PDB file of N, CA and C in Angstrom:
ATOM      1  N   MET A   1      -9.931  -7.760 -13.037  1.00  0.00           N
ATOM      2  CA  MET A   1      -9.393  -7.537 -11.306  1.00  0.00           C
ATOM      3  C   MET A   1      -9.919  -9.151 -11.109  1.00  0.00           C
ATOM      4  N   ASP A   2      -8.614  -9.382 -10.441  1.00  0.00           N
ATOM      5  CA  ASP A   2      -8.957 -10.891  -9.867  1.00  0.00           C
ATOM      6  C   ASP A   2      -9.682 -10.596  -8.447  1.00  0.00           C
ATOM      7  N   ALA A   3     -10.058 -11.682  -7.415  1.00  0.00           N
ATOM      8  CA  ALA A   3     -10.532 -12.287  -6.498  1.00  0.00           C
ATOM      9  C   ALA A   3      -9.570 -11.372  -5.266  1.00  0.00           C
ATOM     10  N   ASN A   4      -8.520 -11.669  -5.422  1.00  0.00           N
ATOM     11  CA  ASN A   4      -7.469 -10.879  -4.277  1.00  0.00           C
ATOM     12  C   ASN A   4      -7.501  -9.701  -4.276  1.00  0.00           C
ATOM     13  N   GLN A   5      -7.698  -9.107  -5.906  1.00  0.00           N
ATOM     14  CA  GLN A   5      -7.339  -7.417  -5.792  1.00  0.00           C
ATOM     15  C   GLN A   5      -8.806  -7.087  -5.704  1.00  0.00           C
ATOM     16  N   LEU A   6      -9.975  -7.801  -5.615  1.00  0.00           N
ATOM     17  CA  LEU A   6     -10.779  -6.831  -5.014  1.00  0.00           C
ATOM     18  C   LEU A   6     -11.198  -7.252  -3.298  1.00  0.00           C
ATOM     19  N   ALA A   7     -11.005  -7.948  -3.032  1.00  0.00           N
ATOM     20  CA  ALA A   7     -10.871  -8.076  -1.367  1.00  0.00           C
ATOM     21  C   ALA A   7      -9.904  -7.008  -0.817  1.00  0.00           C
ATOM     22  N   THR A   8      -8.659  -6.886  -1.848  1.00  0.00           N
ATOM     23  CA  THR A   8      -7.514  -5.489  -0.912  1.00  0.00           C
ATOM     24  C   THR A   8      -8.358  -4.577  -1.121  1.00  0.00           C
ATOM     25  N   LEU A   9      -8.902  -4.120  -2.441  1.00  0.00           N
ATOM     26  CA  LEU A   9      -9.435  -2.849  -2.580  1.00  0.00           C
ATOM     27  C   LEU A   9     -10.759  -2.804  -1.369  1.00  0.00           C
ATOM     28  N   LYS A  10     -11.306  -3.602  -1.098  1.00  0.00           N
ATOM     29  CA  LYS A  10     -12.373  -3.323  -0.192  1.00  0.00           C
ATOM     30  C   LYS A  10     -12.101  -3.392   1.092  1.00  0.00           C
ATOM     31  N   THR A  11     -11.165  -4.070   1.270  1.00  0.00           N
ATOM     32  CA  THR A  11     -10.462  -3.687   2.767  1.00  0.00           C
ATOM     33  C   THR A  11     -10.259  -2.503   2.865  1.00  0.00           C
ATOM     34  N   TYR A  12      -9.063  -2.081   1.961  1.00  0.00           N
ATOM     35  CA  TYR A  12      -8.500  -0.833   1.825  1.00  0.00           C
ATOM     36  C   TYR A  12      -9.640   0.653   2.080  1.00  0.00           C
ATOM     37  N   GLU A  13     -10.928   0.150   1.262  1.00  0.00           N
ATOM     38  CA  GLU A  13     -11.707   1.407   1.343  1.00  0.00           C
ATOM     39  C   GLU A  13     -12.768   1.280   2.591  1.00  0.00           C
ATOM     40  N   SER A  14     -12.433   0.096   3.993  1.00  0.00           N
ATOM     41  CA  SER A  14     -13.186   0.419   4.776  1.00  0.00           C
ATOM     42  C   SER A  14     -12.134   0.218   6.355  1.00  0.00           C
ATOM     43  N   LEU A  15     -10.827   0.227   5.761  1.00  0.00           N
ATOM     44  CA  LEU A  15     -10.185   0.831   7.017  1.00  0.00           C
ATOM     45  C   LEU A  15     -10.148   2.525   7.775  1.00  0.00           C
ATOM     46  N   GLN A  16      -9.850   2.158   8.850  1.00  0.00           N
ATOM     47  CA  GLN A  16      -9.931   3.621   9.699  1.00  0.00           C
ATOM     48  C   GLN A  16      -8.511   3.647  10.470  1.00  0.00           C
ATOM     49  N   PRO A  17      -8.423   4.907  11.003  1.00  0.00           N
ATOM     50  CA  PRO A  17      -7.093   4.930  12.033  1.00  0.00           C
ATOM     51  C   PRO A  17      -7.368   4.316  12.808  1.00  0.00           C
ATOM     52  N   GLY A  18      -6.751   3.281  13.793  1.00  0.00           N
ATOM     53  CA  GLY A  18      -6.543   2.596  14.638  1.00  0.00           C
ATOM     54  C   GLY A  18      -6.479   0.877  14.256  1.00  0.00           C
ATOM     55  N   ASP A  19      -6.900   0.714  12.741  1.00  0.00           N
ATOM     56  CA  ASP A  19      -7.054  -0.792  12.718  1.00  0.00           C
ATOM     57  C   ASP A  19      -6.199  -1.098  12.472  1.00  0.00           C
ATOM     58  N   GLU A  20      -5.982  -2.638  12.833  1.00  0.00           N
ATOM     59  CA  GLU A  20      -4.529  -3.732  12.709  1.00  0.00           C
ATOM     60  C   GLU A  20      -4.433  -4.292  11.380  1.00  0.00           C
ATOM     61  N   VAL A  21      -3.824  -4.078  10.548  1.00  0.00           N
ATOM     62  CA  VAL A  21      -4.004  -4.639   9.617  1.00  0.00           C
ATOM     63  C   VAL A  21      -2.331  -5.457   8.960  1.00  0.00           C
ATOM     64  N   GLU A  22      -2.605  -6.597   8.266  1.00  0.00           N
ATOM     65  CA  GLU A  22      -1.115  -7.504   7.912  1.00  0.00           C
ATOM     66  C   GLU A  22      -1.372  -7.123   6.369  1.00  0.00           C
ATOM     67  N   LEU A  23      -0.097  -6.459   5.409  1.00  0.00           N
ATOM     68  CA  LEU A  23      -0.134  -6.326   3.810  1.00  0.00           C
ATOM     69  C   LEU A  23       0.832  -7.214   3.569  1.00  0.00           C
ATOM     70  N   ARG A  24       0.502  -7.897   2.736  1.00  0.00           N
ATOM     71  CA  ARG A  24       1.677  -9.115   1.899  1.00  0.00           C
ATOM     72  C   ARG A  24       1.898  -8.501   1.028  1.00  0.00           C
ATOM     73  N   HIS A  25       3.081  -8.135   0.200  1.00  0.00           N
ATOM     74  CA  HIS A  25       3.400  -7.040  -0.403  1.00  0.00           C
ATOM     75  C   HIS A  25       5.153  -7.226  -1.316  1.00  0.00           C
ATOM     76  N   GLU A  26       5.085  -7.451  -2.233  1.00  0.00           N
ATOM     77  CA  GLU A  26       6.353  -7.384  -3.030  1.00  0.00           C
ATOM     78  C   GLU A  26       7.477  -6.074  -2.762  1.00  0.00           C
ATOM     79  N   VAL A  27       8.513  -6.471  -2.399  1.00  0.00           N
ATOM     80  CA  VAL A  27       9.604  -5.186  -2.662  1.00  0.00           C
ATOM     81  C   VAL A  27      10.426  -5.392  -3.603  1.00  0.00           C
ATOM     82  N   LYS A  28      11.156  -4.411  -4.171  1.00  0.00           N
ATOM     83  CA  LYS A  28      11.565  -4.334  -5.651  1.00  0.00           C
ATOM     84  C   LYS A  28      12.966  -3.580  -5.428  1.00  0.00           C
ATOM     85  N   VAL A  29      14.140  -4.169  -5.791  1.00  0.00           N
ATOM     86  CA  VAL A  29      15.361  -3.094  -5.413  1.00  0.00           C
ATOM     87  C   VAL A  29      16.236  -3.397  -6.731  1.00  0.00           C
ATOM     88  N   GLY A  30      16.236  -3.129  -7.740  1.00  0.00           N
ATOM     89  CA  GLY A  30      17.168  -3.488  -8.907  1.00  0.00           C
ATOM     90  C   GLY A  30      16.339  -4.554  -9.650  1.00  0.00           C
ATOM     91  N   PHE A  31      17.366  -5.486  -9.751  1.00  0.00           N
ATOM     92  CA  PHE A  31      16.726  -6.604 -10.695  1.00  0.00           C
ATOM     93  C   PHE A  31      16.181  -7.676  -9.298  1.00  0.00           C
ATOM     94  N   ARG A  32      16.274  -7.332  -8.060  1.00  0.00           N
ATOM     95  CA  ARG A  32      16.052  -8.084  -7.336  1.00  0.00           C
ATOM     96  C   ARG A  32      14.286  -7.754  -6.764  1.00  0.00           C
ATOM     97  N   THR A  33      13.604  -9.352  -6.515  1.00  0.00           N
ATOM     98  CA  THR A  33      12.190  -9.009  -6.010  1.00  0.00           C
ATOM     99  C   THR A  33      12.034 -10.131  -4.896  1.00  0.00           C
ATOM    100  N   TRP A  34      11.262  -9.930  -3.779  1.00  0.00           N
ATOM    101  CA  TRP A  34      11.070 -10.435  -2.730  1.00  0.00           C
ATOM    102  C   TRP A  34       9.815  -9.897  -2.198  1.00  0.00           C
ATOM    103  N   GLU A  35       9.066 -11.113  -1.305  1.00  0.00           N
ATOM    104  CA  GLU A  35       7.936 -10.781  -0.479  1.00  0.00           C
ATOM    105  C   GLU A  35       8.124 -10.617   0.619  1.00  0.00           C
ATOM    106  N   THR A  36       7.437  -9.917   1.236  1.00  0.00           N
ATOM    107  CA  THR A  36       7.356  -9.496   2.795  1.00  0.00           C
ATOM    108  C   THR A  36       5.966  -8.993   3.522  1.00  0.00           C
ATOM    109  N   VAL A  37       5.958  -9.337   4.596  1.00  0.00           N
ATOM    110  CA  VAL A  37       4.884  -9.008   5.597  1.00  0.00           C
ATOM    111  C   VAL A  37       5.194  -7.686   6.248  1.00  0.00           C
ATOM    112  N   THR A  38       4.186  -6.694   6.124  1.00  0.00           N
ATOM    113  CA  THR A  38       4.207  -5.973   7.283  1.00  0.00           C
ATOM    114  C   THR A  38       2.769  -5.841   8.037  1.00  0.00           C
ATOM    115  N   LYS A  39       2.824  -5.582   9.145  1.00  0.00           N
ATOM    116  CA  LYS A  39       1.944  -5.747  10.133  1.00  0.00           C
ATOM    117  C   LYS A  39       2.054  -4.260  11.030  1.00  0.00           C
ATOM    118  N   GLY A  40       0.803  -3.608  11.471  1.00  0.00           N
ATOM    119  CA  GLY A  40       0.597  -2.818  12.228  1.00  0.00           C
ATOM    120  C   GLY A  40      -0.920  -2.204  12.310  1.00  0.00           C
ATOM    121  N   LYS A  41      -0.416  -0.940  12.772  1.00  0.00           N
ATOM    122  CA  LYS A  41      -1.591   0.022  13.010  1.00  0.00           C
ATOM    123  C   LYS A  41      -1.744   1.057  12.349  1.00  0.00           C
ATOM    124  N   VAL A  42      -3.049   0.991  11.510  1.00  0.00           N
ATOM    125  CA  VAL A  42      -3.256   2.109  10.567  1.00  0.00           C
ATOM    126  C   VAL A  42      -3.139   3.688  11.213  1.00  0.00           C
ATOM    127  N   VAL A  43      -2.093   4.316  10.542  1.00  0.00           N
ATOM    128  CA  VAL A  43      -2.201   5.903  11.296  1.00  0.00           C
ATOM    129  C   VAL A  43      -3.066   6.704  10.538  1.00  0.00           C
ATOM    130  N   ARG A  44      -2.911   6.846   9.093  1.00  0.00           N
ATOM    131  CA  ARG A  44      -3.829   7.033   8.024  1.00  0.00           C
ATOM    132  C   ARG A  44      -3.746   6.615   6.826  1.00  0.00           C
ATOM    133  N   MET A  45      -4.412   6.594   5.649  1.00  0.00           N
ATOM    134  CA  MET A  45      -4.650   6.314   4.085  1.00  0.00           C
ATOM    135  C   MET A  45      -4.393   7.397   3.227  1.00  0.00           C
ATOM    136  N   GLN A  46      -3.874   7.724   2.175  1.00  0.00           N
ATOM    137  CA  GLN A  46      -3.693   8.514   1.324  1.00  0.00           C
ATOM    138  C   GLN A  46      -3.209   8.271  -0.356  1.00  0.00           C
ATOM    139  N   ARG A  47      -4.207   8.969  -1.169  1.00  0.00           N
ATOM    140  CA  ARG A  47      -3.759   9.105  -2.285  1.00  0.00           C
ATOM    141  C   ARG A  47      -3.037  10.107  -2.725  1.00  0.00           C
ATOM    142  N   ARG A  48      -1.511   9.455  -2.738  1.00  0.00           N
ATOM    143  CA  ARG A  48      -0.811  10.638  -3.523  1.00  0.00           C
ATOM    144  C   ARG A  48      -0.332  10.683  -5.260  1.00  0.00           C
ATOM    145  N   ARG A  49      -0.448  12.098  -5.607  1.00  0.00           N
ATOM    146  CA  ARG A  49       0.297  12.234  -6.908  1.00  0.00           C
ATOM    147  C   ARG A  49       1.344  12.143  -6.708  1.00  0.00           C
ATOM    148  N   HIS A  50       2.262  11.523  -7.644  1.00  0.00           N
ATOM    149  CA  HIS A  50       3.519  11.561  -8.094  1.00  0.00           C
ATOM    150  C   HIS A  50       4.023  11.498  -9.584  1.00  0.00           C
ATOM    151  N   GLY A  51       5.214  12.143  -9.603  1.00  0.00           N
ATOM    152  CA  GLY A  51       5.479  12.113 -11.395  1.00  0.00           C
ATOM    153  C   GLY A  51       6.850  10.953 -11.435  1.00  0.00           C
ATOM    154  N   LEU A  52       6.672   9.576 -11.108  1.00  0.00           N
ATOM    155  CA  LEU A  52       7.231   8.668 -11.572  1.00  0.00           C
ATOM    156  C   LEU A  52       7.588   8.105 -12.792  1.00  0.00           C
ATOM    157  N   HIS A  53       6.860   8.302 -13.742  1.00  0.00           N
ATOM    158  CA  HIS A  53       6.406   7.892 -15.122  1.00  0.00           C
ATOM    159  C   HIS A  53       7.173   9.087 -16.328  1.00  0.00           C
ATOM    160  N   HIS A  54       7.817   8.105 -16.983  1.00  0.00           N
ATOM    161  CA  HIS A  54       8.813   9.198 -17.598  1.00  0.00           C
ATOM    162  C   HIS A  54       7.890   9.412 -18.772  1.00  0.00           C
ATOM    163  N   GLN A  55       8.109  10.647 -19.526  1.00  0.00           N
ATOM    164  CA  GLN A  55       7.526  11.389 -20.901  1.00  0.00           C
ATOM    165  C   GLN A  55       6.133  11.362 -20.511  1.00  0.00           C
ATOM    166  N   ARG A  56       5.380  11.480 -19.768  1.00  0.00           N
ATOM    167  CA  ARG A  56       4.210  11.857 -19.641  1.00  0.00           C
ATOM    168  C   ARG A  56       3.613  13.053 -19.920  1.00  0.00           C
ATOM    169  N   ASN A  57       1.997  13.137 -20.423  1.00  0.00           N
ATOM    170  CA  ASN A  57       2.033  14.481 -20.484  1.00  0.00           C
ATOM    171  C   ASN A  57       1.704  15.230 -18.983  1.00  0.00           C
ATOM    172  N   PRO A  58       1.817  16.406 -18.886  1.00  0.00           N
ATOM    173  CA  PRO A  58       1.698  17.194 -17.814  1.00  0.00           C
ATOM    174  C   PRO A  58       0.384  17.071 -17.140  1.00  0.00           C
ATOM    175  N   ASP A  59      -0.979  17.148 -17.917  1.00  0.00           N
ATOM    176  CA  ASP A  59      -1.884  17.237 -17.611  1.00  0.00           C
ATOM    177  C   ASP A  59      -2.450  15.569 -16.998  1.00  0.00           C
ATOM    178  N   ASP A  60      -1.443  14.536 -17.422  1.00  0.00           N
ATOM    179  CA  ASP A  60      -1.562  12.895 -17.291  1.00  0.00           C
ATOM    180  C   ASP A  60      -1.798  12.944 -15.277  1.00  0.00           C
ATOM    181  N   LYS A  61      -2.517  12.750 -14.721  1.00  0.00           N
ATOM    182  CA  LYS A  61      -2.167  12.346 -13.299  1.00  0.00           C
ATOM    183  C   LYS A  61      -2.297  11.132 -12.820  1.00  0.00           C
ATOM    184  N   VAL A  62      -1.132  10.642 -11.790  1.00  0.00           N
ATOM    185  CA  VAL A  62      -0.927   9.659 -11.683  1.00  0.00           C
ATOM    186  C   VAL A  62      -0.805   9.781 -10.151  1.00  0.00           C
ATOM    187  N   PHE A  63      -1.621   8.432  -9.646  1.00  0.00           N
ATOM    188  CA  PHE A  63      -1.664   8.577  -7.978  1.00  0.00           C
ATOM    189  C   PHE A  63      -1.441   7.382  -7.781  1.00  0.00           C
ATOM    190  N   SER A  64      -1.086   7.186  -6.328  1.00  0.00           N
ATOM    191  CA  SER A  64      -0.485   5.529  -5.586  1.00  0.00           C
ATOM    192  C   SER A  64      -1.443   5.999  -4.577  1.00  0.00           C
ATOM    193  N   ASP A  65      -2.229   4.982  -4.180  1.00  0.00           N
ATOM    194  CA  ASP A  65      -2.761   4.645  -2.831  1.00  0.00           C
ATOM    195  C   ASP A  65      -1.616   4.130  -1.838  1.00  0.00           C
ATOM    196  N   ILE A  66      -1.806   4.925  -0.584  1.00  0.00           N
ATOM    197  CA  ILE A  66      -0.442   4.511   0.508  1.00  0.00           C
ATOM    198  C   ILE A  66      -1.351   4.563   1.975  1.00  0.00           C
ATOM    199  N   ILE A  67      -0.727   3.649   2.557  1.00  0.00           N
ATOM    200  CA  ILE A  67      -0.969   3.201   4.143  1.00  0.00           C
ATOM    201  C   ILE A  67       0.332   3.847   4.944  1.00  0.00           C
ATOM    202  N   VAL A  68      -0.121   4.606   6.076  1.00  0.00           N
ATOM    203  CA  VAL A  68       1.004   4.679   6.893  1.00  0.00           C
ATOM    204  C   VAL A  68       0.366   4.012   8.252  1.00  0.00           C
ATOM    205  N   LEU A  69       1.180   2.882   8.431  1.00  0.00           N
ATOM    206  CA  LEU A  69       1.653   2.361   9.402  1.00  0.00           C
ATOM    207  C   LEU A  69       1.820   2.224  10.540  1.00  0.00           C
ATOM    208  N   GLN A  70       1.679   2.014  11.841  1.00  0.00           N
ATOM    209  CA  GLN A  70       2.847   2.078  12.982  1.00  0.00           C
ATOM    210  C   GLN A  70       2.889   0.425  13.546  1.00  0.00           C
ATOM    211  N   LYS A  71       4.103   0.362  13.230  1.00  0.00           N
ATOM    212  CA  LYS A  71       4.469  -1.088  13.755  1.00  0.00           C
ATOM    213  C   LYS A  71       4.384  -1.306  15.420  1.00  0.00           C
ATOM    214  N   GLN A  72       4.858  -2.362  15.729  1.00  0.00           N
ATOM    215  CA  GLN A  72       4.800  -2.667  16.964  1.00  0.00           C
ATOM    216  C   GLN A  72       5.449  -1.784  18.033  1.00  0.00           C
ATOM    217  N   ASP A  73       7.075  -1.805  17.479  1.00  0.00           N
ATOM    218  CA  ASP A  73       7.821  -1.508  18.151  1.00  0.00           C
ATOM    219  C   ASP A  73       7.841   0.049  18.142  1.00  0.00           C
ATOM    220  N   GLY A  74       6.572   0.455  17.260  1.00  0.00           N
ATOM    221  CA  GLY A  74       6.495   2.507  17.263  1.00  0.00           C
ATOM    222  C   GLY A  74       6.904   3.171  16.694  1.00  0.00           C
ATOM    223  N   GLU A  75       7.919   1.854  15.128  1.00  0.00           N
ATOM    224  CA  GLU A  75       8.096   2.628  14.291  1.00  0.00           C
ATOM    225  C   GLU A  75       7.202   2.864  13.129  1.00  0.00           C
ATOM    226  N   LEU A  76       7.138   3.897  12.092  1.00  0.00           N
ATOM    227  CA  LEU A  76       6.338   4.116  11.233  1.00  0.00           C
ATOM    228  C   LEU A  76       6.556   3.751  10.066  1.00  0.00           C
ATOM    229  N   THR A  77       6.071   3.477   9.215  1.00  0.00           N
ATOM    230  CA  THR A  77       6.398   2.479   7.941  1.00  0.00           C
ATOM    231  C   THR A  77       5.280   3.285   6.645  1.00  0.00           C
ATOM    232  N   THR A  78       5.432   3.605   5.672  1.00  0.00           N
ATOM    233  CA  THR A  78       4.864   3.915   4.887  1.00  0.00           C
ATOM    234  C   THR A  78       4.754   2.834   3.383  1.00  0.00           C
ATOM    235  N   VAL A  79       3.976   2.518   3.248  1.00  0.00           N
ATOM    236  CA  VAL A  79       3.408   1.368   2.149  1.00  0.00           C
ATOM    237  C   VAL A  79       2.604   1.550   0.856  1.00  0.00           C
ATOM    238  N   THR A  80       2.832   1.377  -0.403  1.00  0.00           N
ATOM    239  CA  THR A  80       2.209   1.477  -1.045  1.00  0.00           C
ATOM    240  C   THR A  80       1.491   0.239  -1.839  1.00  0.00           C
ATOM    241  N   LEU A  81       0.108   0.366  -1.980  1.00  0.00           N
ATOM    242  CA  LEU A  81      -0.514  -0.836  -2.799  1.00  0.00           C
ATOM    243  C   LEU A  81      -0.454  -0.934  -4.135  1.00  0.00           C
ATOM    244  N   ASP A  82      -0.089  -1.899  -4.473  1.00  0.00           N
ATOM    245  CA  ASP A  82       0.021  -2.235  -5.767  1.00  0.00           C
ATOM    246  C   ASP A  82      -0.800  -3.561  -6.173  1.00  0.00           C
ATOM    247  N   GLU A  83      -0.777  -3.854  -7.436  1.00  0.00           N
ATOM    248  CA  GLU A  83      -1.592  -4.961  -7.844  1.00  0.00           C
ATOM    249  C   GLU A  83      -1.171  -6.297  -7.496  1.00  0.00           C
ATOM    250  N   PHE A  84      -0.455  -6.267  -6.552  1.00  0.00           N
ATOM    251  CA  PHE A  84       0.166  -7.485  -6.110  1.00  0.00           C
ATOM    252  C   PHE A  84       0.120  -7.645  -4.345  1.00  0.00           C
ATOM    253  N   SER A  85      -0.395  -6.581  -4.079  1.00  0.00           N
ATOM    254  CA  SER A  85      -0.466  -6.499  -2.507  1.00  0.00           C
ATOM    255  C   SER A  85      -1.667  -7.137  -1.806  1.00  0.00           C
ATOM    256  N   VAL A  86      -1.965  -7.903  -1.134  1.00  0.00           N
ATOM    257  CA  VAL A  86      -2.885  -8.752  -0.111  1.00  0.00           C
ATOM    258  C   VAL A  86      -2.998  -7.838   1.101  1.00  0.00           C
ATOM    259  N   LEU A  87      -4.276  -7.562   1.527  1.00  0.00           N
ATOM    260  CA  LEU A  87      -4.314  -6.553   2.641  1.00  0.00           C
ATOM    261  C   LEU A  87      -5.564  -7.397   3.541  1.00  0.00           C
ATOM    262  N   LYS A  88      -5.053  -7.345   4.605  1.00  0.00           N
ATOM    263  CA  LYS A  88      -6.231  -8.147   5.772  1.00  0.00           C
ATOM    264  C   LYS A  88      -6.106  -7.113   6.993  1.00  0.00           C
ATOM    265  N   LYS A  89      -7.297  -7.105   6.926  1.00  0.00           N
ATOM    266  CA  LYS A  89      -7.275  -6.492   8.843  1.00  0.00           C
ATOM    267  C   LYS A  89      -7.175  -8.065   9.744  1.00  0.00           C
ATOM    268  N   LEU A  90      -6.991  -7.583  10.926  1.00  0.00           N
ATOM    269  CA  LEU A  90      -6.859  -8.328  11.998  1.00  0.00           C
ATOM    270  C   LEU A  90      -7.636  -8.153  12.914  1.00  0.00           C
TER     271      LEU A  90
END
């Protein structure tokens, strides 16, 4: 794990509902990838189980860390953290 990943993990673990955060992350659609920044107030954090991986053993559990944010205009958005995410408290 590099320094950015460790800093993001520490920040994620310290988050509380109501904290203002900025998340720099990659968006991928098909073969296109771009970097974006999402800012908002933390509504909740959650570790979600999913089945996105093909041909895995049924006992092999796969989880993603997610943050539900409320943007300044009131819109709710869900973002998933990955190894490229950079999370900062504001």
